[in-house]
Amino acid sequence: MRIEIAGENALIIYFGEQTDPATSAKVQQAVTILEKELAEQLIDMVPSYASLLVIYDMLKCDHLEVRSKLRKLLDQLEESSAISGKIVTLPAYYSTESGPDLEALATRTQLSIEEVIKIHSDMEYRVYAIGFAPGFAYLGEVDPRIAAPRLSTPRQKVPKGAVAIADQQTAVYPAVSPGGWNLIGLCPTPMFDPKAEPTMPVQVGDRVKFEPINREQFIALGGQL
């Protein structure tokens, strides 16, 4: 692990050179420890795949003080057990109606639509990062049998709740937006609500399972087609 300057009141901690569950668990564990130990000196933290951006209050501490504290706290991290995060189950209506790329993905992978759905919903995914848009959680890793590259031409409008695959990552679009991922279904669970507490159902380090539901269940849960 190394610590580097990321701005006049920010430091970034790098936990490794690659993305894997063990590194992600260290990032989340660091978030938990730093929230407690730095307390009022913190302005914000931004966890990612293998790094953590720490933004501190310059009126309450300086660069050298924060760096020193981070080094001591990271020593504690190495001696602690990994935090696995909570398990979050997200309902997903998989179909050619809700997932316009589902049939093409099945054809590409030489699998049936039912097999693609089963493979995707059988996996447990770790939240590696949240970005692109509020509530957009990058989940990995997708089973290599259904991994697929981004579309050559992104859509101008991807619906809210779209369950998608790009390479070995999967995600749920939190709002209507452009996007180039392969769409295989829809999730009725809001991924970002600024009025809710917490604002997102998942955070970095959590694990996500998708639960297949039918059309009627999707609509009953508030989903829109």
C-alpha atoms as a PDB file:
ATOM      1  CA  MET A   1       0.000   0.000   0.000  1.00  0.00           C
ATOM      2  CA  ARG A   2       1.160   3.523  -0.713  1.00  0.00           C
ATOM      3  CA  ILE A   3      -0.111   7.039   0.032  1.00  0.00           C
ATOM      4  CA  GLU A   4       0.129   9.884  -2.501  1.00  0.00           C
ATOM      5  CA  ILE A   5      -0.967  13.533  -2.640  1.00  0.00           C
ATOM      6  CA  ALA A   6      -4.211  14.035  -4.572  1.00  0.00           C
ATOM      7  CA  GLY A   7      -4.820  17.754  -3.982  1.00  0.00           C
ATOM      8  CA  GLU A   8      -4.275  20.529  -1.482  1.00  0.00           C
ATOM      9  CA  ASN A   9      -6.478  18.766   1.088  1.00  0.00           C
ATOM     10  CA  ALA A  10      -6.596  15.199  -0.215  1.00  0.00           C
ATOM     11  CA  LEU A  11      -4.528  12.027  -0.103  1.00  0.00           C
ATOM     12  CA  ILE A  12      -5.113   8.815  -2.016  1.00  0.00           C
ATOM     13  CA  ILE A  13      -4.284   5.368  -0.674  1.00  0.00           C
ATOM     14  CA  TYR A  14      -3.447   2.632  -3.197  1.00  0.00           C
ATOM     15  CA  PHE A  15      -4.042  -0.866  -1.832  1.00  0.00           C
ATOM     16  CA  GLY A  16      -2.753  -2.840  -4.810  1.00  0.00           C
ATOM     17  CA  GLU A  17      -2.317  -2.944  -8.556  1.00  0.00           C
ATOM     18  CA  GLN A  18      -5.248  -5.181  -9.417  1.00  0.00           C
ATOM     19  CA  THR A  19      -8.921  -5.609  -8.590  1.00  0.00           C
ATOM     20  CA  ASP A  20      -9.941  -8.636  -6.558  1.00  0.00           C
ATOM     21  CA  PRO A  21     -12.236  -9.388  -3.579  1.00  0.00           C
ATOM     22  CA  ALA A  22      -9.373  -9.295  -1.057  1.00  0.00           C
ATOM     23  CA  THR A  23      -8.259  -5.824  -2.157  1.00  0.00           C
ATOM     24  CA  SER A  24     -11.852  -4.577  -2.209  1.00  0.00           C
ATOM     25  CA  ALA A  25     -12.320  -5.871   1.341  1.00  0.00           C
ATOM     26  CA  LYS A  26      -9.240  -3.915   2.469  1.00  0.00           C
ATOM     27  CA  VAL A  27     -10.620  -0.736   0.909  1.00  0.00           C
ATOM     28  CA  GLN A  28     -13.923  -1.129   2.737  1.00  0.00           C
ATOM     29  CA  GLN A  29     -12.204  -1.971   5.999  1.00  0.00           C
ATOM     30  CA  ALA A  30     -10.110   1.202   5.677  1.00  0.00           C
ATOM     31  CA  VAL A  31     -13.294   3.240   5.153  1.00  0.00           C
ATOM     32  CA  THR A  32     -14.768   1.833   8.367  1.00  0.00           C
ATOM     33  CA  ILE A  33     -11.622   2.502  10.405  1.00  0.00           C
ATOM     34  CA  LEU A  34     -10.982   5.996   9.043  1.00  0.00           C
ATOM     35  CA  GLU A  35     -14.588   7.126   9.580  1.00  0.00           C
ATOM     36  CA  LYS A  36     -14.164   6.278  13.251  1.00  0.00           C
ATOM     37  CA  GLU A  37     -10.603   7.424  13.871  1.00  0.00           C
ATOM     38  CA  LEU A  38     -10.428  10.635  11.800  1.00  0.00           C
ATOM     39  CA  ALA A  39     -13.998  11.688  12.629  1.00  0.00           C
ATOM     40  CA  GLU A  40     -14.372  15.493  12.369  1.00  0.00           C
ATOM     41  CA  GLN A  41     -11.132  15.892  10.431  1.00  0.00           C
ATOM     42  CA  LEU A  42     -12.747  14.146   7.465  1.00  0.00           C
ATOM     43  CA  ILE A  43     -14.708  15.922   4.745  1.00  0.00           C
ATOM     44  CA  ASP A  44     -15.278  12.909   2.520  1.00  0.00           C
ATOM     45  CA  MET A  45     -13.895   9.575   1.329  1.00  0.00           C
ATOM     46  CA  VAL A  46     -14.234   8.086  -2.149  1.00  0.00           C
ATOM     47  CA  PRO A  47     -13.526   4.335  -2.314  1.00  0.00           C
ATOM     48  CA  SER A  48     -12.788   2.690  -5.654  1.00  0.00           C
ATOM     49  CA  TYR A  49     -11.536  -0.621  -7.056  1.00  0.00           C
ATOM     50  CA  ALA A  50      -8.149  -0.639  -5.332  1.00  0.00           C
ATOM     51  CA  SER A  51      -7.840   2.870  -3.885  1.00  0.00           C
ATOM     52  CA  LEU A  52      -9.365   5.273  -1.389  1.00  0.00           C
ATOM     53  CA  LEU A  53      -9.424   9.058  -1.753  1.00  0.00           C
ATOM     54  CA  VAL A  54      -9.351  10.816   1.625  1.00  0.00           C
ATOM     55  CA  ILE A  55     -10.415  14.481   1.717  1.00  0.00           C
ATOM     56  CA  TYR A  56      -9.666  16.269   4.988  1.00  0.00           C
ATOM     57  CA  ASP A  57     -10.464  19.610   6.616  1.00  0.00           C
ATOM     58  CA  MET A  58      -7.424  21.897   6.357  1.00  0.00           C
ATOM     59  CA  LEU A  59      -8.743  24.019   9.232  1.00  0.00           C
ATOM     60  CA  LYS A  60      -8.512  21.066  11.615  1.00  0.00           C
ATOM     61  CA  CYS A  61      -5.378  19.250  10.453  1.00  0.00           C
ATOM     62  CA  ASP A  62      -2.525  19.430   7.973  1.00  0.00           C
ATOM     63  CA  HIS A  63      -1.040  17.131   5.366  1.00  0.00           C
ATOM     64  CA  LEU A  64       1.711  15.698   7.575  1.00  0.00           C
ATOM     65  CA  GLU A  65      -0.675  14.971  10.443  1.00  0.00           C
ATOM     66  CA  VAL A  66      -3.163  13.159   8.208  1.00  0.00           C
ATOM     67  CA  ARG A  67      -0.461  11.156   6.424  1.00  0.00           C
ATOM     68  CA  SER A  68       0.991  10.070   9.766  1.00  0.00           C
ATOM     69  CA  LYS A  69      -2.421   8.981  11.031  1.00  0.00           C
ATOM     70  CA  LEU A  70      -3.155   7.087   7.839  1.00  0.00           C
ATOM     71  CA  ARG A  71       0.076   5.110   8.129  1.00  0.00           C
ATOM     72  CA  LYS A  72      -0.736   4.081  11.699  1.00  0.00           C
ATOM     73  CA  LEU A  73      -4.307   3.168  10.841  1.00  0.00           C
ATOM     74  CA  LEU A  74      -3.225   1.138   7.823  1.00  0.00           C
ATOM     75  CA  ASP A  75      -0.967  -0.883  10.116  1.00  0.00           C
ATOM     76  CA  GLN A  76      -4.111  -1.770  12.081  1.00  0.00           C
ATOM     77  CA  LEU A  77      -5.788  -2.738   8.836  1.00  0.00           C
ATOM     78  CA  GLU A  78      -3.135  -5.289   7.995  1.00  0.00           C
ATOM     79  CA  GLU A  79      -3.655  -6.980  11.365  1.00  0.00           C
ATOM     80  CA  SER A  80      -7.438  -7.083  11.097  1.00  0.00           C
ATOM     81  CA  SER A  81      -9.659  -9.630   9.398  1.00  0.00           C
ATOM     82  CA  ALA A  82     -11.213  -8.715   6.066  1.00  0.00           C
ATOM     83  CA  ILE A  83     -14.666  -7.165   6.048  1.00  0.00           C
ATOM     84  CA  SER A  84     -16.914  -8.934   3.564  1.00  0.00           C
ATOM     85  CA  GLY A  85     -19.710  -6.359   3.430  1.00  0.00           C
ATOM     86  CA  LYS A  86     -23.420  -7.024   3.603  1.00  0.00           C
ATOM     87  CA  ILE A  87     -25.363  -9.073   1.073  1.00  0.00           C
ATOM     88  CA  VAL A  88     -27.954  -7.134  -0.935  1.00  0.00           C
ATOM     89  CA  THR A  89     -30.544  -8.939  -3.043  1.00  0.00           C
ATOM     90  CA  LEU A  90     -31.831  -7.077  -6.093  1.00  0.00           C
ATOM     91  CA  PRO A  91     -34.886  -8.321  -8.008  1.00  0.00           C
ATOM     92  CA  ALA A  92     -34.443  -8.507 -11.771  1.00  0.00           C
ATOM     93  CA  TYR A  93     -37.002  -9.007 -14.522  1.00  0.00           C
ATOM     94  CA  TYR A  94     -34.996 -10.805 -17.202  1.00  0.00           C
ATOM     95  CA  SER A  95     -36.697 -11.008 -20.601  1.00  0.00           C
ATOM     96  CA  THR A  96     -36.372  -9.900 -24.213  1.00  0.00           C
ATOM     97  CA  GLU A  97     -38.996  -7.260 -23.346  1.00  0.00           C
ATOM     98  CA  SER A  98     -36.943  -5.761 -20.502  1.00  0.00           C
ATOM     99  CA  GLY A  99     -33.507  -6.696 -21.845  1.00  0.00           C
ATOM    100  CA  PRO A 100     -33.121  -5.784 -25.533  1.00  0.00           C
ATOM    101  CA  ASP A 101     -29.634  -7.349 -25.720  1.00  0.00           C
ATOM    102  CA  LEU A 102     -30.510 -10.602 -23.936  1.00  0.00           C
ATOM    103  CA  GLU A 103     -31.206 -12.622 -27.099  1.00  0.00           C
ATOM    104  CA  ALA A 104     -28.115 -11.309 -28.885  1.00  0.00           C
ATOM    105  CA  LEU A 105     -25.967 -12.125 -25.853  1.00  0.00           C
ATOM    106  CA  ALA A 106     -27.360 -15.655 -25.755  1.00  0.00           C
ATOM    107  CA  THR A 107     -26.597 -16.098 -29.453  1.00  0.00           C
ATOM    108  CA  ARG A 108     -23.094 -14.665 -29.033  1.00  0.00           C
ATOM    109  CA  THR A 109     -22.273 -16.999 -26.155  1.00  0.00           C
ATOM    110  CA  GLN A 110     -23.998 -20.020 -27.731  1.00  0.00           C
ATOM    111  CA  LEU A 111     -26.270 -20.364 -24.720  1.00  0.00           C
ATOM    112  CA  SER A 112     -30.018 -20.291 -24.334  1.00  0.00           C
ATOM    113  CA  ILE A 113     -31.701 -17.226 -22.864  1.00  0.00           C
ATOM    114  CA  GLU A 114     -32.611 -19.294 -19.809  1.00  0.00           C
ATOM    115  CA  GLU A 115     -28.968 -20.326 -19.346  1.00  0.00           C
ATOM    116  CA  VAL A 116     -27.771 -16.709 -19.547  1.00  0.00           C
ATOM    117  CA  ILE A 117     -30.323 -15.696 -16.906  1.00  0.00           C
ATOM    118  CA  LYS A 118     -29.357 -18.571 -14.620  1.00  0.00           C
ATOM    119  CA  ILE A 119     -25.631 -17.899 -14.923  1.00  0.00           C
ATOM    120  CA  HIS A 120     -26.088 -14.176 -14.225  1.00  0.00           C
ATOM    121  CA  SER A 121     -28.435 -14.664 -11.256  1.00  0.00           C
ATOM    122  CA  ASP A 122     -26.444 -17.536  -9.724  1.00  0.00           C
ATOM    123  CA  MET A 123     -23.357 -15.368  -9.235  1.00  0.00           C
ATOM    124  CA  GLU A 124     -22.580 -13.239  -6.185  1.00  0.00           C
ATOM    125  CA  TYR A 125     -21.037  -9.899  -7.175  1.00  0.00           C
ATOM    126  CA  ARG A 126     -18.876  -7.545  -5.151  1.00  0.00           C
ATOM    127  CA  VAL A 127     -19.404  -3.784  -5.330  1.00  0.00           C
ATOM    128  CA  TYR A 128     -15.992  -2.587  -6.509  1.00  0.00           C
ATOM    129  CA  ALA A 129     -16.775   1.080  -7.106  1.00  0.00           C
ATOM    130  CA  ILE A 130     -19.593   3.594  -7.408  1.00  0.00           C
ATOM    131  CA  GLY A 131     -19.288   6.242 -10.098  1.00  0.00           C
ATOM    132  CA  PHE A 132     -20.266   7.450 -13.585  1.00  0.00           C
ATOM    133  CA  ALA A 133     -23.581   8.552 -12.034  1.00  0.00           C
ATOM    134  CA  PRO A 134     -24.861   8.631  -8.423  1.00  0.00           C
ATOM    135  CA  GLY A 135     -25.790   5.074  -7.485  1.00  0.00           C
ATOM    136  CA  PHE A 136     -24.073   3.396 -10.447  1.00  0.00           C
ATOM    137  CA  ALA A 137     -22.359   0.445  -8.767  1.00  0.00           C
ATOM    138  CA  TYR A 138     -19.717  -1.492 -10.695  1.00  0.00           C
ATOM    139  CA  LEU A 139     -20.206  -5.168  -9.796  1.00  0.00           C
ATOM    140  CA  GLY A 140     -17.834  -8.009 -10.514  1.00  0.00           C
ATOM    141  CA  GLU A 141     -16.944 -10.381 -11.732  1.00  0.00           C
ATOM    142  CA  VAL A 142     -19.320 -11.731 -14.348  1.00  0.00           C
ATOM    143  CA  ASP A 143     -18.974 -15.403 -15.280  1.00  0.00           C
ATOM    144  CA  PRO A 144     -16.666 -15.554 -18.353  1.00  0.00           C
ATOM    145  CA  ARG A 145     -19.331 -17.539 -20.212  1.00  0.00           C
ATOM    146  CA  ILE A 146     -21.592 -14.474 -20.441  1.00  0.00           C
ATOM    147  CA  ALA A 147     -18.997 -11.676 -20.404  1.00  0.00           C
ATOM    148  CA  ALA A 148     -19.472  -9.391 -23.403  1.00  0.00           C
ATOM    149  CA  PRO A 149     -17.772  -6.240 -24.701  1.00  0.00           C
ATOM    150  CA  ARG A 150     -19.525  -2.878 -24.702  1.00  0.00           C
ATOM    151  CA  LEU A 151     -21.725  -2.081 -27.671  1.00  0.00           C
ATOM    152  CA  SER A 152     -19.874  -0.574 -30.631  1.00  0.00           C
ATOM    153  CA  THR A 153     -22.450   2.244 -30.689  1.00  0.00           C
ATOM    154  CA  PRO A 154     -23.748   3.330 -27.247  1.00  0.00           C
ATOM    155  CA  ARG A 155     -27.450   3.974 -26.811  1.00  0.00           C
ATOM    156  CA  GLN A 156     -28.502   7.559 -26.331  1.00  0.00           C
ATOM    157  CA  LYS A 157     -31.084   6.492 -23.754  1.00  0.00           C
ATOM    158  CA  VAL A 158     -30.818   3.551 -21.352  1.00  0.00           C
ATOM    159  CA  PRO A 159     -33.845   3.139 -19.052  1.00  0.00           C
ATOM    160  CA  LYS A 160     -33.685   3.534 -15.310  1.00  0.00           C
ATOM    161  CA  GLY A 161     -33.139   0.171 -13.626  1.00  0.00           C
ATOM    162  CA  ALA A 162     -31.548  -1.511 -16.649  1.00  0.00           C
ATOM    163  CA  VAL A 163     -29.492  -4.557 -15.637  1.00  0.00           C
ATOM    164  CA  ALA A 164     -26.432  -4.626 -17.847  1.00  0.00           C
ATOM    165  CA  ILE A 165     -23.172  -6.383 -18.637  1.00  0.00           C
ATOM    166  CA  ALA A 166     -19.914  -4.948 -19.987  1.00  0.00           C
ATOM    167  CA  ASP A 167     -16.849  -7.182 -20.161  1.00  0.00           C
ATOM    168  CA  GLN A 168     -16.694  -8.925 -16.770  1.00  0.00           C
ATOM    169  CA  GLN A 169     -18.711  -6.307 -14.919  1.00  0.00           C
ATOM    170  CA  THR A 170     -22.431  -5.939 -14.367  1.00  0.00           C
ATOM    171  CA  ALA A 171     -24.486  -3.012 -13.067  1.00  0.00           C
ATOM    172  CA  VAL A 172     -27.918  -1.459 -12.659  1.00  0.00           C
ATOM    173  CA  TYR A 173     -28.438   1.945 -14.273  1.00  0.00           C
ATOM    174  CA  PRO A 174     -29.745   4.239 -11.489  1.00  0.00           C
ATOM    175  CA  ALA A 175     -31.353   6.735 -13.888  1.00  0.00           C
ATOM    176  CA  VAL A 176     -32.088   7.276 -17.562  1.00  0.00           C
ATOM    177  CA  SER A 177     -28.781   8.005 -19.294  1.00  0.00           C
ATOM    178  CA  PRO A 178     -26.659   7.200 -22.338  1.00  0.00           C
ATOM    179  CA  GLY A 179     -24.816   3.903 -22.125  1.00  0.00           C
ATOM    180  CA  GLY A 180     -23.043   1.206 -24.081  1.00  0.00           C
ATOM    181  CA  TRP A 181     -23.538  -1.829 -21.857  1.00  0.00           C
ATOM    182  CA  ASN A 182     -25.497  -4.943 -22.888  1.00  0.00           C
ATOM    183  CA  LEU A 183     -29.012  -4.759 -21.415  1.00  0.00           C
ATOM    184  CA  ILE A 184     -30.442  -8.056 -20.135  1.00  0.00           C
ATOM    185  CA  GLY A 185     -33.229  -7.010 -17.762  1.00  0.00           C
ATOM    186  CA  LEU A 186     -34.741  -4.417 -15.445  1.00  0.00           C
ATOM    187  CA  CYS A 187     -34.507  -3.939 -11.680  1.00  0.00           C
ATOM    188  CA  PRO A 188     -37.350  -2.127  -9.837  1.00  0.00           C
ATOM    189  CA  THR A 189     -35.207  -1.242  -6.802  1.00  0.00           C
ATOM    190  CA  PRO A 190     -34.125   2.442  -6.808  1.00  0.00           C
ATOM    191  CA  MET A 191     -30.323   2.569  -6.845  1.00  0.00           C
ATOM    192  CA  PHE A 192     -30.178   6.224  -5.780  1.00  0.00           C
ATOM    193  CA  ASP A 193     -32.651   8.365  -3.859  1.00  0.00           C
ATOM    194  CA  PRO A 194     -31.322  11.683  -2.496  1.00  0.00           C
ATOM    195  CA  LYS A 195     -34.258  11.852  -0.066  1.00  0.00           C
ATOM    196  CA  ALA A 196     -33.670   8.392   1.407  1.00  0.00           C
ATOM    197  CA  GLU A 197     -31.288   7.369   4.189  1.00  0.00           C
ATOM    198  CA  PRO A 198     -29.081   5.758   3.079  1.00  0.00           C
ATOM    199  CA  THR A 199     -29.266   7.249  -0.413  1.00  0.00           C
ATOM    200  CA  MET A 200     -28.089   3.999  -2.039  1.00  0.00           C
ATOM    201  CA  PRO A 201     -28.909   0.355  -1.228  1.00  0.00           C
ATOM    202  CA  VAL A 202     -25.274  -0.710  -1.723  1.00  0.00           C
ATOM    203  CA  GLN A 203     -21.827   0.580  -0.907  1.00  0.00           C
ATOM    204  CA  VAL A 204     -18.307  -0.427  -1.912  1.00  0.00           C
ATOM    205  CA  GLY A 205     -17.471  -3.809  -0.397  1.00  0.00           C
ATOM    206  CA  ASP A 206     -21.047  -5.117  -0.338  1.00  0.00           C
ATOM    207  CA  ARG A 207     -22.060  -8.267  -2.195  1.00  0.00           C
ATOM    208  CA  VAL A 208     -25.001  -8.338  -4.583  1.00  0.00           C
ATOM    209  CA  LYS A 209     -27.249 -11.193  -5.693  1.00  0.00           C
ATOM    210  CA  PHE A 210     -29.867 -10.848  -8.431  1.00  0.00           C
ATOM    211  CA  GLU A 211     -33.194 -12.623  -7.886  1.00  0.00           C
ATOM    212  CA  PRO A 212     -35.202 -13.365 -11.048  1.00  0.00           C
ATOM    213  CA  ILE A 213     -38.808 -12.132 -10.965  1.00  0.00           C
ATOM    214  CA  ASN A 214     -41.604 -12.213 -13.529  1.00  0.00           C
ATOM    215  CA  ARG A 215     -43.349  -9.336 -15.270  1.00  0.00           C
ATOM    216  CA  GLU A 216     -46.202  -9.136 -12.762  1.00  0.00           C
ATOM    217  CA  GLN A 217     -43.811  -9.066  -9.790  1.00  0.00           C
ATOM    218  CA  PHE A 218     -41.719  -6.397 -11.476  1.00  0.00           C
ATOM    219  CA  ILE A 219     -44.739  -4.105 -11.940  1.00  0.00           C
ATOM    220  CA  ALA A 220     -45.984  -4.813  -8.415  1.00  0.00           C
ATOM    221  CA  LEU A 221     -42.610  -3.686  -7.058  1.00  0.00           C
ATOM    222  CA  GLY A 222     -42.950  -0.354  -8.864  1.00  0.00           C
ATOM    223  CA  GLY A 223     -41.123  -1.208 -12.063  1.00  0.00           C
ATOM    224  CA  GLN A 224     -42.061   0.531 -15.314  1.00  0.00           C
ATOM    225  CA  LEU A 225     -41.798  -0.812 -18.852  1.00  0.00           C
END
